[in-house]
Amino acid sequence: MNAPGLLGYGIGGGLIITGLAGLLVDARHSDPLGWALWFGGLVVAHDGVLVPLVLLVGVAVGRLRTPSWVRAGLIVAAVLSFVALPMVTGLGRRADNPSLLPLDYGRNLLVVLGLVALVTAVAAIATRLRRRRG
């Protein structure tokens, strides 16, 4: 590994230790158990749900003999949808704090998915046109 990589790991490790120390020192204000459960939930959601779903979609779409751009677009759309799902459903929204989740996340997700579809279509068409010329 090169020196900048080691420096980055060192700085990142130091920041993680600083954050963990802050959680433990101010335990009555920071709720370390809640943080541990939240991070544990992220690991379970990522490794137990997101990764297997992405792999299954990738295998299923790969068997359809679609162009690689279509597969990539579908995987990006699936990951974006999974990440945005808590905001779209309003998980964490509270009536007494309107600044939590203030946007129309369902509409915004549709806009982003539309852009992903557009970029995917343009890339697939450009690839097909290049192959015809070559």
C-alpha atoms as a PDB file:
ATOM      1  CA  MET A   1       0.000   0.000   0.000  1.00  0.00           C
ATOM      2  CA  ASN A   2       1.228   3.501  -0.769  1.00  0.00           C
ATOM      3  CA  ALA A   3       1.863   6.290   1.735  1.00  0.00           C
ATOM      4  CA  PRO A   4      -1.288   8.346   0.956  1.00  0.00           C
ATOM      5  CA  GLY A   5      -3.402   5.219   1.483  1.00  0.00           C
ATOM      6  CA  LEU A   6      -1.787   4.532   4.840  1.00  0.00           C
ATOM      7  CA  LEU A   7      -2.230   8.173   5.806  1.00  0.00           C
ATOM      8  CA  GLY A   8      -5.929   7.993   4.908  1.00  0.00           C
ATOM      9  CA  TYR A   9      -6.410   4.836   6.965  1.00  0.00           C
ATOM     10  CA  GLY A  10      -4.594   6.436   9.888  1.00  0.00           C
ATOM     11  CA  ILE A  11      -6.700   9.593   9.772  1.00  0.00           C
ATOM     12  CA  GLY A  12      -9.918   7.589   9.353  1.00  0.00           C
ATOM     13  CA  GLY A  13      -9.019   5.272  12.215  1.00  0.00           C
ATOM     14  CA  GLY A  14      -8.235   8.239  14.437  1.00  0.00           C
ATOM     15  CA  LEU A  15     -11.587   9.844  13.638  1.00  0.00           C
ATOM     16  CA  ILE A  16     -13.432   6.594  14.379  1.00  0.00           C
ATOM     17  CA  ILE A  17     -11.660   6.263  17.731  1.00  0.00           C
ATOM     18  CA  THR A  18     -12.452   9.913  18.531  1.00  0.00           C
ATOM     19  CA  GLY A  19     -16.122   9.364  17.708  1.00  0.00           C
ATOM     20  CA  LEU A  20     -16.359   6.175  19.748  1.00  0.00           C
ATOM     21  CA  ALA A  21     -14.610   7.860  22.694  1.00  0.00           C
ATOM     22  CA  GLY A  22     -17.098  10.733  22.468  1.00  0.00           C
ATOM     23  CA  LEU A  23     -20.002   8.291  22.484  1.00  0.00           C
ATOM     24  CA  LEU A  24     -18.668   6.584  25.591  1.00  0.00           C
ATOM     25  CA  VAL A  25     -17.572   9.700  27.493  1.00  0.00           C
ATOM     26  CA  ASP A  26     -20.940  11.416  26.961  1.00  0.00           C
ATOM     27  CA  ALA A  27     -22.935   8.192  27.267  1.00  0.00           C
ATOM     28  CA  ARG A  28     -25.832   9.809  29.114  1.00  0.00           C
ATOM     29  CA  HIS A  29     -26.355  12.204  26.181  1.00  0.00           C
ATOM     30  CA  SER A  30     -25.260  10.077  23.224  1.00  0.00           C
ATOM     31  CA  ASP A  31     -27.003   6.698  23.813  1.00  0.00           C
ATOM     32  CA  PRO A  32     -24.162   4.339  22.796  1.00  0.00           C
ATOM     33  CA  LEU A  33     -26.490   1.332  22.763  1.00  0.00           C
ATOM     34  CA  GLY A  34     -28.792   3.095  20.300  1.00  0.00           C
ATOM     35  CA  TRP A  35     -25.822   3.919  18.052  1.00  0.00           C
ATOM     36  CA  ALA A  36     -24.563   0.321  18.243  1.00  0.00           C
ATOM     37  CA  LEU A  37     -27.998  -0.997  17.296  1.00  0.00           C
ATOM     38  CA  TRP A  38     -28.260   1.509  14.443  1.00  0.00           C
ATOM     39  CA  PHE A  39     -24.860   0.586  13.002  1.00  0.00           C
ATOM     40  CA  GLY A  40     -25.579  -3.113  13.537  1.00  0.00           C
ATOM     41  CA  GLY A  41     -28.840  -2.665  11.663  1.00  0.00           C
ATOM     42  CA  LEU A  42     -26.963  -1.021   8.803  1.00  0.00           C
ATOM     43  CA  VAL A  43     -24.575  -3.965   8.590  1.00  0.00           C
ATOM     44  CA  VAL A  44     -27.461  -6.443   8.599  1.00  0.00           C
ATOM     45  CA  ALA A  45     -29.395  -4.417   6.017  1.00  0.00           C
ATOM     46  CA  HIS A  46     -26.360  -4.122   3.755  1.00  0.00           C
ATOM     47  CA  ASP A  47     -24.907  -7.604   4.029  1.00  0.00           C
ATOM     48  CA  GLY A  48     -28.128  -9.514   4.653  1.00  0.00           C
ATOM     49  CA  VAL A  49     -30.572  -7.701   2.370  1.00  0.00           C
ATOM     50  CA  LEU A  50     -29.011  -5.240  -0.085  1.00  0.00           C
ATOM     51  CA  VAL A  51     -26.075  -7.322  -1.342  1.00  0.00           C
ATOM     52  CA  PRO A  52     -28.104 -10.520  -1.911  1.00  0.00           C
ATOM     53  CA  LEU A  53     -30.843  -8.543  -3.696  1.00  0.00           C
ATOM     54  CA  VAL A  54     -28.336  -6.807  -5.959  1.00  0.00           C
ATOM     55  CA  LEU A  55     -26.682 -10.129  -6.758  1.00  0.00           C
ATOM     56  CA  LEU A  56     -30.026 -11.793  -7.511  1.00  0.00           C
ATOM     57  CA  VAL A  57     -31.136  -8.941  -9.758  1.00  0.00           C
ATOM     58  CA  GLY A  58     -27.758  -8.983 -11.498  1.00  0.00           C
ATOM     59  CA  VAL A  59     -27.959 -12.716 -12.160  1.00  0.00           C
ATOM     60  CA  ALA A  60     -31.591 -12.535 -13.297  1.00  0.00           C
ATOM     61  CA  VAL A  61     -30.980  -9.611 -15.642  1.00  0.00           C
ATOM     62  CA  GLY A  62     -27.752 -11.211 -16.900  1.00  0.00           C
ATOM     63  CA  ARG A  63     -29.724 -14.237 -18.062  1.00  0.00           C
ATOM     64  CA  LEU A  64     -32.035 -12.008 -20.096  1.00  0.00           C
ATOM     65  CA  ARG A  65     -29.153 -11.265 -22.485  1.00  0.00           C
ATOM     66  CA  THR A  66     -29.740  -7.547 -22.184  1.00  0.00           C
ATOM     67  CA  PRO A  67     -26.915  -5.092 -22.865  1.00  0.00           C
ATOM     68  CA  SER A  68     -24.625  -4.402 -19.918  1.00  0.00           C
ATOM     69  CA  TRP A  69     -25.868  -0.806 -19.730  1.00  0.00           C
ATOM     70  CA  VAL A  70     -29.374  -2.040 -19.014  1.00  0.00           C
ATOM     71  CA  ARG A  71     -28.084  -4.315 -16.270  1.00  0.00           C
ATOM     72  CA  ALA A  72     -26.072  -1.480 -14.747  1.00  0.00           C
ATOM     73  CA  GLY A  73     -29.052   0.888 -14.885  1.00  0.00           C
ATOM     74  CA  LEU A  74     -31.336  -1.637 -13.213  1.00  0.00           C
ATOM     75  CA  ILE A  75     -28.841  -2.294 -10.433  1.00  0.00           C
ATOM     76  CA  VAL A  76     -28.319   1.442  -9.832  1.00  0.00           C
ATOM     77  CA  ALA A  77     -32.095   1.985  -9.771  1.00  0.00           C
ATOM     78  CA  ALA A  78     -32.569  -0.874  -7.316  1.00  0.00           C
ATOM     79  CA  VAL A  79     -29.877   0.398  -4.954  1.00  0.00           C
ATOM     80  CA  LEU A  80     -31.215   3.971  -5.103  1.00  0.00           C
ATOM     81  CA  SER A  81     -34.733   2.733  -4.391  1.00  0.00           C
ATOM     82  CA  PHE A  82     -33.551   0.656  -1.444  1.00  0.00           C
ATOM     83  CA  VAL A  83     -31.596   3.559   0.046  1.00  0.00           C
ATOM     84  CA  ALA A  84     -34.464   6.022  -0.467  1.00  0.00           C
ATOM     85  CA  LEU A  85     -37.175   3.707   0.872  1.00  0.00           C
ATOM     86  CA  PRO A  86     -37.040   4.978   4.500  1.00  0.00           C
ATOM     87  CA  MET A  87     -37.396   8.592   3.341  1.00  0.00           C
ATOM     88  CA  VAL A  88     -40.148   7.783   0.841  1.00  0.00           C
ATOM     89  CA  THR A  89     -42.149   5.982   3.530  1.00  0.00           C
ATOM     90  CA  GLY A  90     -41.522   8.812   6.013  1.00  0.00           C
ATOM     91  CA  LEU A  91     -39.658   6.693   8.545  1.00  0.00           C
ATOM     92  CA  GLY A  92     -38.527   9.109  11.258  1.00  0.00           C
ATOM     93  CA  ARG A  93     -40.896  11.930  10.326  1.00  0.00           C
ATOM     94  CA  ARG A  94     -42.333  13.705  13.387  1.00  0.00           C
ATOM     95  CA  ALA A  95     -45.213  16.149  13.538  1.00  0.00           C
ATOM     96  CA  ASP A  96     -43.466  18.276  16.183  1.00  0.00           C
ATOM     97  CA  ASN A  97     -40.354  18.782  13.998  1.00  0.00           C
ATOM     98  CA  PRO A  98     -41.218  19.695  10.396  1.00  0.00           C
ATOM     99  CA  SER A  99     -37.531  20.013   9.480  1.00  0.00           C
ATOM    100  CA  LEU A 100     -37.180  16.213   9.614  1.00  0.00           C
ATOM    101  CA  LEU A 101     -37.758  14.818   6.120  1.00  0.00           C
ATOM    102  CA  PRO A 102     -39.209  18.052   4.720  1.00  0.00           C
ATOM    103  CA  LEU A 103     -39.099  17.133   1.011  1.00  0.00           C
ATOM    104  CA  ASP A 104     -41.286  15.110  -1.341  1.00  0.00           C
ATOM    105  CA  TYR A 105     -38.985  12.112  -1.428  1.00  0.00           C
ATOM    106  CA  GLY A 106     -41.300   9.944  -3.529  1.00  0.00           C
ATOM    107  CA  ARG A 107     -41.332  12.498  -6.344  1.00  0.00           C
ATOM    108  CA  ASN A 108     -37.603  13.080  -6.037  1.00  0.00           C
ATOM    109  CA  LEU A 109     -36.917   9.346  -6.263  1.00  0.00           C
ATOM    110  CA  LEU A 110     -39.009   9.157  -9.423  1.00  0.00           C
ATOM    111  CA  VAL A 111     -37.054  12.065 -10.927  1.00  0.00           C
ATOM    112  CA  VAL A 112     -33.719  10.411 -10.128  1.00  0.00           C
ATOM    113  CA  LEU A 113     -34.930   7.043 -11.459  1.00  0.00           C
ATOM    114  CA  GLY A 114     -36.052   8.821 -14.632  1.00  0.00           C
ATOM    115  CA  LEU A 115     -32.574  10.305 -15.011  1.00  0.00           C
ATOM    116  CA  VAL A 116     -31.017   6.871 -14.474  1.00  0.00           C
ATOM    117  CA  ALA A 117     -33.314   5.453 -17.157  1.00  0.00           C
ATOM    118  CA  LEU A 118     -32.431   8.300 -19.525  1.00  0.00           C
ATOM    119  CA  VAL A 119     -28.666   7.889 -19.036  1.00  0.00           C
ATOM    120  CA  THR A 120     -29.035   4.116 -19.404  1.00  0.00           C
ATOM    121  CA  ALA A 121     -30.998   4.484 -22.645  1.00  0.00           C
ATOM    122  CA  VAL A 122     -28.543   7.003 -24.107  1.00  0.00           C
ATOM    123  CA  ALA A 123     -25.569   4.798 -23.205  1.00  0.00           C
ATOM    124  CA  ALA A 124     -27.221   1.685 -24.657  1.00  0.00           C
ATOM    125  CA  ILE A 125     -28.145   3.488 -27.888  1.00  0.00           C
ATOM    126  CA  ALA A 126     -24.647   4.975 -28.216  1.00  0.00           C
ATOM    127  CA  THR A 127     -23.091   1.536 -27.709  1.00  0.00           C
ATOM    128  CA  ARG A 128     -25.378  -0.006 -30.321  1.00  0.00           C
ATOM    129  CA  LEU A 129     -24.605   2.761 -32.835  1.00  0.00           C
ATOM    130  CA  ARG A 130     -20.861   2.353 -32.256  1.00  0.00           C
ATOM    131  CA  ARG A 131     -21.122  -1.390 -32.887  1.00  0.00           C
ATOM    132  CA  ARG A 132     -22.982  -0.806 -36.165  1.00  0.00           C
ATOM    133  CA  ARG A 133     -20.273   1.552 -37.395  1.00  0.00           C
ATOM    134  CA  GLY A 134     -17.466  -0.776 -36.371  1.00  0.00           C
END
